[in-house]
Amino acid sequence: VTVMMIAAWLRRTWPAPEKVWQPTRANVPANSNRGRFA
């Protein structure tokens, strides 16, 4: 929860640029690396 609070503060203070969806063969948004991060 503490980490989530820090992440929420970072997202609000330094918002990420809006992502543009691009179709891929796997139907996954481009630049998604959640598997590696996990």
Full PDB file with SEQRES, HELIX, SHEET, SSBOND, CRYST1, ORIGX, SCALE, CONECT and MASTER records, all heavy atoms in Angstrom:
SEQRES   1 A   38  VAL THR VAL MET MET ILE ALA ALA TRP LEU ARG ARG THR          
SEQRES   2 A   38  TRP PRO ALA PRO GLU LYS VAL TRP GLN PRO THR ARG ALA          
SEQRES   3 A   38  ASN VAL PRO ALA ASN SER ASN ARG GLY ARG PHE ALA              
HELIX    1 AA1 THR A    2  THR A   13  1                                  12    
HELIX    2 AA2 ARG A   34  PHE A   37  1                                   4    
CRYST1    1.000    1.000    1.000  90.00  90.00  90.00 P 1           1          
ORIGX1      1.000000  0.000000  0.000000        0.00000                         
ORIGX2      0.000000  1.000000  0.000000        0.00000                         
ORIGX3      0.000000  0.000000  1.000000        0.00000                         
SCALE1      1.000000  0.000000  0.000000        0.00000                         
SCALE2      0.000000  1.000000  0.000000        0.00000                         
SCALE3      0.000000  0.000000  1.000000        0.00000                         
ATOM      1  N   VAL A   1       0.840  -1.203   0.000  1.00  0.00           N  
ATOM      2  CA  VAL A   1       0.000   0.000   0.000  1.00  0.00           C  
ATOM      3  C   VAL A   1       0.871   1.249   0.000  1.00  0.00           C  
ATOM      4  O   VAL A   1       0.579   2.229  -0.697  1.00  0.00           O  
ATOM      5  CB  VAL A   1      -0.952  -0.018   1.207  1.00  0.00           C  
ATOM      6  CG1 VAL A   1      -1.664   1.323   1.340  1.00  0.00           C  
ATOM      7  CG2 VAL A   1      -1.979  -1.136   1.061  1.00  0.00           C  
ATOM      8  N   THR A   2       1.948   1.234   0.786  1.00  0.00           N  
ATOM      9  CA  THR A   2       2.851   2.388   0.807  1.00  0.00           C  
ATOM     10  C   THR A   2       3.460   2.633  -0.568  1.00  0.00           C  
ATOM     11  O   THR A   2       3.540   3.775  -1.029  1.00  0.00           O  
ATOM     12  CB  THR A   2       3.964   2.159   1.844  1.00  0.00           C  
ATOM     13  OG1 THR A   2       3.375   1.934   3.131  1.00  0.00           O  
ATOM     14  CG2 THR A   2       4.885   3.370   1.921  1.00  0.00           C  
ATOM     15  N   VAL A   3       3.871   1.557  -1.227  1.00  0.00           N  
ATOM     16  CA  VAL A   3       4.435   1.698  -2.567  1.00  0.00           C  
ATOM     17  C   VAL A   3       3.381   2.225  -3.535  1.00  0.00           C  
ATOM     18  O   VAL A   3       3.664   3.081  -4.389  1.00  0.00           O  
ATOM     19  CB  VAL A   3       4.999   0.354  -3.052  1.00  0.00           C  
ATOM     20  CG1 VAL A   3       5.402   0.435  -4.512  1.00  0.00           C  
ATOM     21  CG2 VAL A   3       6.204  -0.046  -2.205  1.00  0.00           C  
ATOM     22  N   MET A   4       2.149   1.729  -3.424  1.00  0.00           N  
ATOM     23  CA  MET A   4       1.071   2.219  -4.280  1.00  0.00           C  
ATOM     24  C   MET A   4       0.817   3.706  -4.058  1.00  0.00           C  
ATOM     25  O   MET A   4       0.530   4.454  -5.005  1.00  0.00           O  
ATOM     26  CB  MET A   4      -0.208   1.422  -4.011  1.00  0.00           C  
ATOM     27  CG  MET A   4      -0.163  -0.010  -4.492  1.00  0.00           C  
ATOM     28  SD  MET A   4      -0.173  -0.120  -6.307  1.00  0.00           S  
ATOM     29  CE  MET A   4      -0.380  -1.880  -6.522  1.00  0.00           C  
ATOM     30  N   MET A   5       0.896   4.162  -2.804  1.00  0.00           N  
ATOM     31  CA  MET A   5       0.718   5.578  -2.515  1.00  0.00           C  
ATOM     32  C   MET A   5       1.824   6.412  -3.164  1.00  0.00           C  
ATOM     33  O   MET A   5       1.561   7.481  -3.726  1.00  0.00           O  
ATOM     34  CB  MET A   5       0.696   5.800  -0.999  1.00  0.00           C  
ATOM     35  CG  MET A   5      -0.515   5.220  -0.304  1.00  0.00           C  
ATOM     36  SD  MET A   5      -0.412   5.319   1.512  1.00  0.00           S  
ATOM     37  CE  MET A   5      -0.306   7.086   1.740  1.00  0.00           C  
ATOM     38  N   ILE A   6       3.064   5.911  -3.085  1.00  0.00           N  
ATOM     39  CA  ILE A   6       4.172   6.622  -3.732  1.00  0.00           C  
ATOM     40  C   ILE A   6       3.975   6.651  -5.242  1.00  0.00           C  
ATOM     41  O   ILE A   6       4.194   7.673  -5.900  1.00  0.00           O  
ATOM     42  CB  ILE A   6       5.508   5.955  -3.361  1.00  0.00           C  
ATOM     43  CG1 ILE A   6       5.760   6.071  -1.853  1.00  0.00           C  
ATOM     44  CG2 ILE A   6       6.665   6.585  -4.138  1.00  0.00           C  
ATOM     45  CD1 ILE A   6       6.980   5.298  -1.379  1.00  0.00           C  
ATOM     46  N   ALA A   7       3.533   5.526  -5.801  1.00  0.00           N  
ATOM     47  CA  ALA A   7       3.295   5.464  -7.246  1.00  0.00           C  
ATOM     48  C   ALA A   7       2.188   6.419  -7.667  1.00  0.00           C  
ATOM     49  O   ALA A   7       2.286   7.089  -8.712  1.00  0.00           O  
ATOM     50  CB  ALA A   7       2.943   4.035  -7.655  1.00  0.00           C  
ATOM     51  N   ALA A   8       1.110   6.499  -6.864  1.00  0.00           N  
ATOM     52  CA  ALA A   8       0.026   7.424  -7.188  1.00  0.00           C  
ATOM     53  C   ALA A   8       0.505   8.872  -7.139  1.00  0.00           C  
ATOM     54  O   ALA A   8       0.128   9.697  -7.982  1.00  0.00           O  
ATOM     55  CB  ALA A   8      -1.138   7.214  -6.219  1.00  0.00           C  
ATOM     56  N   TRP A   9       1.339   9.177  -6.150  1.00  0.00           N  
ATOM     57  CA  TRP A   9       1.875  10.547  -6.053  1.00  0.00           C  
ATOM     58  C   TRP A   9       2.769  10.859  -7.254  1.00  0.00           C  
ATOM     59  O   TRP A   9       2.715  11.964  -7.804  1.00  0.00           O  
ATOM     60  CB  TRP A   9       2.646  10.692  -4.749  1.00  0.00           C  
ATOM     61  CG  TRP A   9       3.300  12.035  -4.603  1.00  0.00           C  
ATOM     62  CD1 TRP A   9       2.713  13.215  -4.263  1.00  0.00           C  
ATOM     63  CD2 TRP A   9       4.693  12.332  -4.813  1.00  0.00           C  
ATOM     64  NE1 TRP A   9       3.634  14.231  -4.232  1.00  0.00           N  
ATOM     65  CE2 TRP A   9       4.860  13.726  -4.567  1.00  0.00           C  
ATOM     66  CE3 TRP A   9       5.801  11.576  -5.166  1.00  0.00           C  
ATOM     67  CZ2 TRP A   9       6.105  14.340  -4.681  1.00  0.00           C  
ATOM     68  CZ3 TRP A   9       7.027  12.192  -5.273  1.00  0.00           C  
ATOM     69  CH2 TRP A   9       7.167  13.556  -5.032  1.00  0.00           C  
ATOM     70  N   LEU A  10       3.578   9.895  -7.670  1.00  0.00           N  
ATOM     71  CA  LEU A  10       4.428  10.103  -8.839  1.00  0.00           C  
ATOM     72  C   LEU A  10       3.586  10.313 -10.098  1.00  0.00           C  
ATOM     73  O   LEU A  10       3.904  11.163 -10.932  1.00  0.00           O  
ATOM     74  CB  LEU A  10       5.369   8.915  -9.028  1.00  0.00           C  
ATOM     75  CG  LEU A  10       6.501   8.764  -8.010  1.00  0.00           C  
ATOM     76  CD1 LEU A  10       7.251   7.461  -8.247  1.00  0.00           C  
ATOM     77  CD2 LEU A  10       7.457   9.943  -8.088  1.00  0.00           C  
ATOM     78  N   ARG A  11       2.517   9.516 -10.249  1.00  0.00           N  
ATOM     79  CA  ARG A  11       1.673   9.657 -11.434  1.00  0.00           C  
ATOM     80  C   ARG A  11       0.995  11.013 -11.477  1.00  0.00           C  
ATOM     81  O   ARG A  11       0.805  11.586 -12.544  1.00  0.00           O  
ATOM     82  CB  ARG A  11       0.608   8.550 -11.467  1.00  0.00           C  
ATOM     83  CG  ARG A  11       1.146   7.164 -11.721  1.00  0.00           C  
ATOM     84  CD  ARG A  11       0.031   6.214 -12.120  1.00  0.00           C  
ATOM     85  NE  ARG A  11      -1.023   6.169 -11.113  1.00  0.00           N  
ATOM     86  CZ  ARG A  11      -1.037   5.350 -10.079  1.00  0.00           C  
ATOM     87  NH1 ARG A  11      -0.023   4.500  -9.896  1.00  0.00           N  
ATOM     88  NH2 ARG A  11      -2.038   5.352  -9.224  1.00  0.00           N  
ATOM     89  N   ARG A  12       0.618  11.521 -10.303  1.00  0.00           N  
ATOM     90  CA  ARG A  12      -0.057  12.822 -10.272  1.00  0.00           C  
ATOM     91  C   ARG A  12       0.934  13.966 -10.424  1.00  0.00           C  
ATOM     92  O   ARG A  12       0.637  14.970 -11.076  1.00  0.00           O  
ATOM     93  CB  ARG A  12      -0.829  12.968  -8.955  1.00  0.00           C  
ATOM     94  CG  ARG A  12      -1.618  14.270  -8.860  1.00  0.00           C  
ATOM     95  CD  ARG A  12      -2.557  14.261  -7.691  1.00  0.00           C  
ATOM     96  NE  ARG A  12      -3.325  15.500  -7.617  1.00  0.00           N  
ATOM     97  CZ  ARG A  12      -4.290  15.735  -6.738  1.00  0.00           C  
ATOM     98  NH1 ARG A  12      -4.615  14.802  -5.866  1.00  0.00           N  
ATOM     99  NH2 ARG A  12      -4.933  16.878  -6.726  1.00  0.00           N  
ATOM    100  N   THR A  13       2.112  13.836  -9.830  1.00  0.00           N  
ATOM    101  CA  THR A  13       3.095  14.924  -9.881  1.00  0.00           C  
ATOM    102  C   THR A  13       3.779  14.977 -11.234  1.00  0.00           C  
ATOM    103  O   THR A  13       3.989  16.057 -11.799  1.00  0.00           O  
ATOM    104  CB  THR A  13       4.135  14.736  -8.771  1.00  0.00           C  
ATOM    105  OG1 THR A  13       3.467  14.613  -7.499  1.00  0.00           O  
ATOM    106  CG2 THR A  13       5.078  15.937  -8.711  1.00  0.00           C  
ATOM    107  N   TRP A  14       4.173  13.819 -11.752  1.00  0.00           N  
ATOM    108  CA  TRP A  14       4.821  13.742 -13.068  1.00  0.00           C  
ATOM    109  C   TRP A  14       4.016  12.793 -13.948  1.00  0.00           C  
ATOM    110  O   TRP A  14       4.392  11.632 -14.134  1.00  0.00           O  
ATOM    111  CB  TRP A  14       6.259  13.264 -12.944  1.00  0.00           C  
ATOM    112  CG  TRP A  14       7.148  14.227 -12.231  1.00  0.00           C  
ATOM    113  CD1 TRP A  14       7.661  15.390 -12.698  1.00  0.00           C  
ATOM    114  CD2 TRP A  14       7.633  14.096 -10.883  1.00  0.00           C  
ATOM    115  NE1 TRP A  14       8.437  15.994 -11.736  1.00  0.00           N  
ATOM    116  CE2 TRP A  14       8.447  15.229 -10.613  1.00  0.00           C  
ATOM    117  CE3 TRP A  14       7.464  13.150  -9.884  1.00  0.00           C  
ATOM    118  CZ2 TRP A  14       9.065  15.428  -9.398  1.00  0.00           C  
ATOM    119  CZ3 TRP A  14       8.085  13.343  -8.665  1.00  0.00           C  
ATOM    120  CH2 TRP A  14       8.873  14.468  -8.434  1.00  0.00           C  
ATOM    121  N   PRO A  15       2.886  13.252 -14.479  1.00  0.00           N  
ATOM    122  CA  PRO A  15       2.045  12.350 -15.282  1.00  0.00           C  
ATOM    123  C   PRO A  15       2.771  11.863 -16.526  1.00  0.00           C  
ATOM    124  O   PRO A  15       3.532  12.611 -17.150  1.00  0.00           O  
ATOM    125  CB  PRO A  15       0.829  13.220 -15.641  1.00  0.00           C  
ATOM    126  CG  PRO A  15       1.327  14.628 -15.534  1.00  0.00           C  
ATOM    127  CD  PRO A  15       2.355  14.618 -14.430  1.00  0.00           C  
ATOM    128  N   ALA A  16       2.531  10.629 -16.854  1.00  0.00           N  
ATOM    129  CA  ALA A  16       3.136  10.049 -18.054  1.00  0.00           C  
ATOM    130  C   ALA A  16       2.421  10.571 -19.295  1.00  0.00           C  
ATOM    131  O   ALA A  16       1.236  10.901 -19.246  1.00  0.00           O  
ATOM    132  CB  ALA A  16       3.043   8.523 -18.006  1.00  0.00           C  
ATOM    133  N   PRO A  17       3.135  10.701 -20.404  1.00  0.00           N  
ATOM    134  CA  PRO A  17       2.469  11.134 -21.642  1.00  0.00           C  
ATOM    135  C   PRO A  17       1.397  10.139 -22.046  1.00  0.00           C  
ATOM    136  O   PRO A  17       1.505   8.937 -21.789  1.00  0.00           O  
ATOM    137  CB  PRO A  17       3.612  11.181 -22.661  1.00  0.00           C  
ATOM    138  CG  PRO A  17       4.679  10.297 -22.101  1.00  0.00           C  
ATOM    139  CD  PRO A  17       4.569  10.418 -20.611  1.00  0.00           C  
ATOM    140  N   GLU A  18       0.356  10.648 -22.659  1.00  0.00           N  
ATOM    141  CA  GLU A  18      -0.755   9.797 -23.055  1.00  0.00           C  
ATOM    142  C   GLU A  18      -0.287   8.766 -24.079  1.00  0.00           C  
ATOM    143  O   GLU A  18       0.370   9.093 -25.061  1.00  0.00           O  
ATOM    144  CB  GLU A  18      -1.878  10.648 -23.656  1.00  0.00           C  
ATOM    145  CG  GLU A  18      -3.128   9.852 -23.979  1.00  0.00           C  
ATOM    146  CD  GLU A  18      -4.243  10.732 -24.493  1.00  0.00           C  
ATOM    147  OE1 GLU A  18      -4.051  11.966 -24.478  1.00  0.00           O  
ATOM    148  OE2 GLU A  18      -5.288  10.189 -24.910  1.00  0.00           O  
ATOM    149  N   LYS A  19      -0.633   7.517 -23.821  1.00  0.00           N  
ATOM    150  CA  LYS A  19      -0.211   6.440 -24.702  1.00  0.00           C  
ATOM    151  C   LYS A  19      -1.166   6.311 -25.886  1.00  0.00           C  
ATOM    152  O   LYS A  19      -2.373   6.495 -25.745  1.00  0.00           O  
ATOM    153  CB  LYS A  19      -0.161   5.110 -23.939  1.00  0.00           C  
ATOM    154  CG  LYS A  19       0.847   5.097 -22.804  1.00  0.00           C  
ATOM    155  CD  LYS A  19       0.835   3.770 -22.080  1.00  0.00           C  
ATOM    156  CE  LYS A  19       1.835   3.750 -20.940  1.00  0.00           C  
ATOM    157  NZ  LYS A  19       1.815   2.459 -20.210  1.00  0.00           N  
ATOM    158  N   VAL A  20      -0.598   6.033 -27.033  1.00  0.00           N  
ATOM    159  CA  VAL A  20      -1.379   5.835 -28.249  1.00  0.00           C  
ATOM    160  C   VAL A  20      -1.436   4.336 -28.529  1.00  0.00           C  
ATOM    161  O   VAL A  20      -0.401   3.683 -28.669  1.00  0.00           O  
ATOM    162  CB  VAL A  20      -0.762   6.591 -29.440  1.00  0.00           C  
ATOM    163  CG1 VAL A  20      -1.571   6.339 -30.703  1.00  0.00           C  
ATOM    164  CG2 VAL A  20      -0.681   8.078 -29.134  1.00  0.00           C  
ATOM    165  N   TRP A  21      -2.637   3.809 -28.601  1.00  0.00           N  
ATOM    166  CA  TRP A  21      -2.784   2.378 -28.827  1.00  0.00           C  
ATOM    167  C   TRP A  21      -2.398   2.018 -30.243  1.00  0.00           C  
ATOM    168  O   TRP A  21      -2.738   2.723 -31.204  1.00  0.00           O  
ATOM    169  CB  TRP A  21      -4.222   1.951 -28.560  1.00  0.00           C  
ATOM    170  CG  TRP A  21      -4.438   0.474 -28.733  1.00  0.00           C  
ATOM    171  CD1 TRP A  21      -4.207  -0.503 -27.819  1.00  0.00           C  
ATOM    172  CD2 TRP A  21      -4.910  -0.181 -29.904  1.00  0.00           C  
ATOM    173  NE1 TRP A  21      -4.501  -1.728 -28.334  1.00  0.00           N  
ATOM    174  CE2 TRP A  21      -4.936  -1.558 -29.628  1.00  0.00           C  
ATOM    175  CE3 TRP A  21      -5.294   0.265 -31.163  1.00  0.00           C  
ATOM    176  CZ2 TRP A  21      -5.360  -2.505 -30.545  1.00  0.00           C  
ATOM    177  CZ3 TRP A  21      -5.707  -0.678 -32.103  1.00  0.00           C  
ATOM    178  CH2 TRP A  21      -5.749  -2.044 -31.790  1.00  0.00           C  
ATOM    179  N   GLN A  22      -1.680   0.916 -30.365  1.00  0.00           N  
ATOM    180  CA  GLN A  22      -1.297   0.406 -31.662  1.00  0.00           C  
ATOM    181  C   GLN A  22      -1.599  -1.078 -31.712  1.00  0.00           C  
ATOM    182  O   GLN A  22      -1.257  -1.809 -30.770  1.00  0.00           O  
ATOM    183  CB  GLN A  22       0.188   0.643 -31.941  1.00  0.00           C  
ATOM    184  CG  GLN A  22       0.571   2.109 -32.018  1.00  0.00           C  
ATOM    185  CD  GLN A  22       2.046   2.283 -32.291  1.00  0.00           C  
ATOM    186  OE1 GLN A  22       2.763   1.302 -32.421  1.00  0.00           O  
ATOM    187  NE2 GLN A  22       2.494   3.525 -32.363  1.00  0.00           N  
ATOM    188  N   PRO A  23      -2.238  -1.570 -32.751  1.00  0.00           N  
ATOM    189  CA  PRO A  23      -2.550  -3.000 -32.830  1.00  0.00           C  
ATOM    190  C   PRO A  23      -1.287  -3.821 -33.027  1.00  0.00           C  
ATOM    191  O   PRO A  23      -0.376  -3.424 -33.747  1.00  0.00           O  
ATOM    192  CB  PRO A  23      -3.481  -3.099 -34.045  1.00  0.00           C  
ATOM    193  CG  PRO A  23      -3.109  -1.915 -34.881  1.00  0.00           C  
ATOM    194  CD  PRO A  23      -2.728  -0.823 -33.916  1.00  0.00           C  
ATOM    195  N   THR A  24      -1.231  -4.946 -32.372  1.00  0.00           N  
ATOM    196  CA  THR A  24      -0.122  -5.879 -32.518  1.00  0.00           C  
ATOM    197  C   THR A  24      -0.692  -7.260 -32.780  1.00  0.00           C  
ATOM    198  O   THR A  24      -1.897  -7.505 -32.655  1.00  0.00           O  
ATOM    199  CB  THR A  24       0.759  -5.910 -31.263  1.00  0.00           C  
ATOM    200  OG1 THR A  24      -0.040  -6.382 -30.158  1.00  0.00           O  
ATOM    201  CG2 THR A  24       1.284  -4.523 -30.930  1.00  0.00           C  
ATOM    202  N   ARG A  25       0.192  -8.179 -33.106  1.00  0.00           N  
ATOM    203  CA  ARG A  25      -0.261  -9.540 -33.387  1.00  0.00           C  
ATOM    204  C   ARG A  25      -0.904 -10.185 -32.170  1.00  0.00           C  
ATOM    205  O   ARG A  25      -1.818 -10.984 -32.285  1.00  0.00           O  
ATOM    206  CB  ARG A  25       0.914 -10.390 -33.860  1.00  0.00           C  
ATOM    207  CG  ARG A  25       1.463  -9.957 -35.224  1.00  0.00           C  
ATOM    208  CD  ARG A  25       2.608 -10.865 -35.642  1.00  0.00           C  
ATOM    209  NE  ARG A  25       3.133 -10.470 -36.945  1.00  0.00           N  
ATOM    210  CZ  ARG A  25       4.160 -11.068 -37.534  1.00  0.00           C  
ATOM    211  NH1 ARG A  25       4.743 -12.125 -36.945  1.00  0.00           N  
ATOM    212  NH2 ARG A  25       4.585 -10.655 -38.706  1.00  0.00           N  
ATOM    213  N   ALA A  26      -0.377  -9.839 -31.011  1.00  0.00           N  
ATOM    214  CA  ALA A  26      -0.924 -10.430 -29.779  1.00  0.00           C  
ATOM    215  C   ALA A  26      -2.063  -9.608 -29.205  1.00  0.00           C  
ATOM    216  O   ALA A  26      -2.557  -9.905 -28.129  1.00  0.00           O  
ATOM    217  CB  ALA A  26       0.182 -10.573 -28.734  1.00  0.00           C  
ATOM    218  N   ASN A  27      -2.468  -8.520 -29.923  1.00  0.00           N  
ATOM    219  CA  ASN A  27      -3.515  -7.638 -29.438  1.00  0.00           C  
ATOM    220  C   ASN A  27      -3.184  -7.057 -28.080  1.00  0.00           C  
ATOM    221  O   ASN A  27      -4.034  -6.925 -27.209  1.00  0.00           O  
ATOM    222  CB  ASN A  27      -4.861  -8.377 -29.365  1.00  0.00           C  
ATOM    223  CG  ASN A  27      -5.367  -8.756 -30.742  1.00  0.00           C  
ATOM    224  OD1 ASN A  27      -5.165  -8.024 -31.702  1.00  0.00           O  
ATOM    225  ND2 ASN A  27      -5.997  -9.922 -30.846  1.00  0.00           N  
ATOM    226  N   VAL A  28      -1.924  -6.727 -27.872  1.00  0.00           N  
ATOM    227  CA  VAL A  28      -1.446  -6.117 -26.635  1.00  0.00           C  
ATOM    228  C   VAL A  28      -0.910  -4.743 -26.972  1.00  0.00           C  
ATOM    229  O   VAL A  28      -0.190  -4.598 -27.964  1.00  0.00           O  
ATOM    230  CB  VAL A  28      -0.346  -6.977 -25.977  1.00  0.00           C  
ATOM    231  CG1 VAL A  28       0.152  -6.310 -24.711  1.00  0.00           C  
ATOM    232  CG2 VAL A  28      -0.885  -8.357 -25.668  1.00  0.00           C  
ATOM    233  N   PRO A  29      -1.233  -3.705 -26.182  1.00  0.00           N  
ATOM    234  CA  PRO A  29      -0.708  -2.377 -26.479  1.00  0.00           C  
ATOM    235  C   PRO A  29       0.809  -2.388 -26.575  1.00  0.00           C  
ATOM    236  O   PRO A  29       1.496  -3.108 -25.855  1.00  0.00           O  
ATOM    237  CB  PRO A  29      -1.184  -1.531 -25.288  1.00  0.00           C  
ATOM    238  CG  PRO A  29      -2.391  -2.252 -24.791  1.00  0.00           C  
ATOM    239  CD  PRO A  29      -2.126  -3.707 -25.031  1.00  0.00           C  
ATOM    240  N   ALA A  30       1.340  -1.583 -27.487  1.00  0.00           N  
ATOM    241  CA  ALA A  30       2.784  -1.540 -27.700  1.00  0.00           C  
ATOM    242  C   ALA A  30       3.504  -1.100 -26.453  1.00  0.00           C  
ATOM    243  O   ALA A  30       2.980  -0.366 -25.626  1.00  0.00           O  
ATOM    244  CB  ALA A  30       3.087  -0.578 -28.851  1.00  0.00           C  
ATOM    245  N   ASN A  31       4.736  -1.549 -26.322  1.00  0.00           N  
ATOM    246  CA  ASN A  31       5.630  -1.171 -25.232  1.00  0.00           C  
ATOM    247  C   ASN A  31       5.169  -1.696 -23.875  1.00  0.00           C  
ATOM    248  O   ASN A  31       5.555  -1.154 -22.847  1.00  0.00           O  
ATOM    249  CB  ASN A  31       5.797   0.358 -25.158  1.00  0.00           C  
ATOM    250  CG  ASN A  31       6.365   0.918 -26.443  1.00  0.00           C  
ATOM    251  OD1 ASN A  31       7.190   0.292 -27.086  1.00  0.00           O  
ATOM    252  ND2 ASN A  31       5.899   2.102 -26.822  1.00  0.00           N  
ATOM    253  N   SER A  32       4.298  -2.710 -23.857  1.00  0.00           N  
ATOM    254  CA  SER A  32       3.856  -3.267 -22.589  1.00  0.00           C  
ATOM    255  C   SER A  32       4.854  -4.324 -22.133  1.00  0.00           C  
ATOM    256  O   SER A  32       5.090  -5.314 -22.833  1.00  0.00           O  
ATOM    257  CB  SER A  32       2.461  -3.882 -22.721  1.00  0.00           C  
ATOM    258  OG  SER A  32       2.061  -4.449 -21.496  1.00  0.00           O  
ATOM    259  N   ASN A  33       5.446  -4.100 -20.978  1.00  0.00           N  
ATOM    260  CA  ASN A  33       6.472  -5.012 -20.453  1.00  0.00           C  
ATOM    261  C   ASN A  33       6.093  -5.535 -19.080  1.00  0.00           C  
ATOM    262  O   ASN A  33       6.958  -5.799 -18.259  1.00  0.00           O  
ATOM    263  CB  ASN A  33       7.822  -4.290 -20.381  1.00  0.00           C  
ATOM    264  CG  ASN A  33       8.324  -3.883 -21.755  1.00  0.00           C  
ATOM    265  OD1 ASN A  33       8.388  -4.702 -22.654  1.00  0.00           O  
ATOM    266  ND2 ASN A  33       8.657  -2.613 -21.913  1.00  0.00           N  
ATOM    267  N   ARG A  34       4.802  -5.662 -18.809  1.00  0.00           N  
ATOM    268  CA  ARG A  34       4.374  -6.071 -17.470  1.00  0.00           C  
ATOM    269  C   ARG A  34       4.898  -7.455 -17.112  1.00  0.00           C  
ATOM    270  O   ARG A  34       5.188  -7.727 -15.946  1.00  0.00           O  
ATOM    271  CB  ARG A  34       2.848  -6.033 -17.371  1.00  0.00           C  
ATOM    272  CG  ARG A  34       2.294  -4.629 -17.123  1.00  0.00           C  
ATOM    273  CD  ARG A  34       0.847  -4.681 -16.623  1.00  0.00           C  
ATOM    274  NE  ARG A  34       0.426  -3.350 -16.223  1.00  0.00           N  
ATOM    275  CZ  ARG A  34      -0.137  -2.475 -17.040  1.00  0.00           C  
ATOM    276  NH1 ARG A  34      -0.322  -2.802 -18.302  1.00  0.00           N  
ATOM    277  NH2 ARG A  34      -0.515  -1.286 -16.603  1.00  0.00           N  
ATOM    278  N   GLY A  35       4.983  -8.347 -18.103  1.00  0.00           N  
ATOM    279  CA  GLY A  35       5.501  -9.677 -17.798  1.00  0.00           C  
ATOM    280  C   GLY A  35       6.933  -9.624 -17.304  1.00  0.00           C  
ATOM    281  O   GLY A  35       7.285 -10.265 -16.302  1.00  0.00           O  
ATOM    282  N   ARG A  36       7.777  -8.837 -17.973  1.00  0.00           N  
ATOM    283  CA  ARG A  36       9.165  -8.703 -17.537  1.00  0.00           C  
ATOM    284  C   ARG A  36       9.265  -8.028 -16.178  1.00  0.00           C  
ATOM    285  O   ARG A  36      10.059  -8.431 -15.318  1.00  0.00           O  
ATOM    286  CB  ARG A  36       9.949  -7.900 -18.572  1.00  0.00           C  
ATOM    287  CG  ARG A  36      10.043  -8.567 -19.940  1.00  0.00           C  
ATOM    288  CD  ARG A  36      10.829  -7.693 -20.902  1.00  0.00           C  
ATOM    289  NE  ARG A  36      10.899  -8.279 -22.241  1.00  0.00           N  
ATOM    290  CZ  ARG A  36      11.490  -7.702 -23.259  1.00  0.00           C  
ATOM    291  NH1 ARG A  36      12.063  -6.516 -23.111  1.00  0.00           N  
ATOM    292  NH2 ARG A  36      11.513  -8.294 -24.432  1.00  0.00           N  
ATOM    293  N   PHE A  37       8.441  -6.987 -15.998  1.00  0.00           N  
ATOM    294  CA  PHE A  37       8.481  -6.288 -14.712  1.00  0.00           C  
ATOM    295  C   PHE A  37       8.003  -7.197 -13.582  1.00  0.00           C  
ATOM    296  O   PHE A  37       8.507  -7.128 -12.462  1.00  0.00           O  
ATOM    297  CB  PHE A  37       7.623  -5.021 -14.772  1.00  0.00           C  
ATOM    298  CG  PHE A  37       8.144  -3.975 -15.725  1.00  0.00           C  
ATOM    299  CD1 PHE A  37       7.276  -3.190 -16.461  1.00  0.00           C  
ATOM    300  CD2 PHE A  37       9.499  -3.784 -15.895  1.00  0.00           C  
ATOM    301  CE1 PHE A  37       7.751  -2.235 -17.339  1.00  0.00           C  
ATOM    302  CE2 PHE A  37       9.995  -2.836 -16.777  1.00  0.00           C  
ATOM    303  CZ  PHE A  37       9.114  -2.056 -17.493  1.00  0.00           C  
ATOM    304  N   ALA A  38       7.004  -8.042 -13.876  1.00  0.00           N  
ATOM    305  CA  ALA A  38       6.518  -8.975 -12.857  1.00  0.00           C  
ATOM    306  C   ALA A  38       7.609  -9.968 -12.462  1.00  0.00           C  
ATOM    307  O   ALA A  38       7.794 -10.278 -11.276  1.00  0.00           O  
ATOM    308  CB  ALA A  38       5.279  -9.708 -13.368  1.00  0.00           C  
TER     309      ALA A  38                                                      
MASTER        0    0    0    2    0    0    0    6  308    1    0    3          
END                                                                             
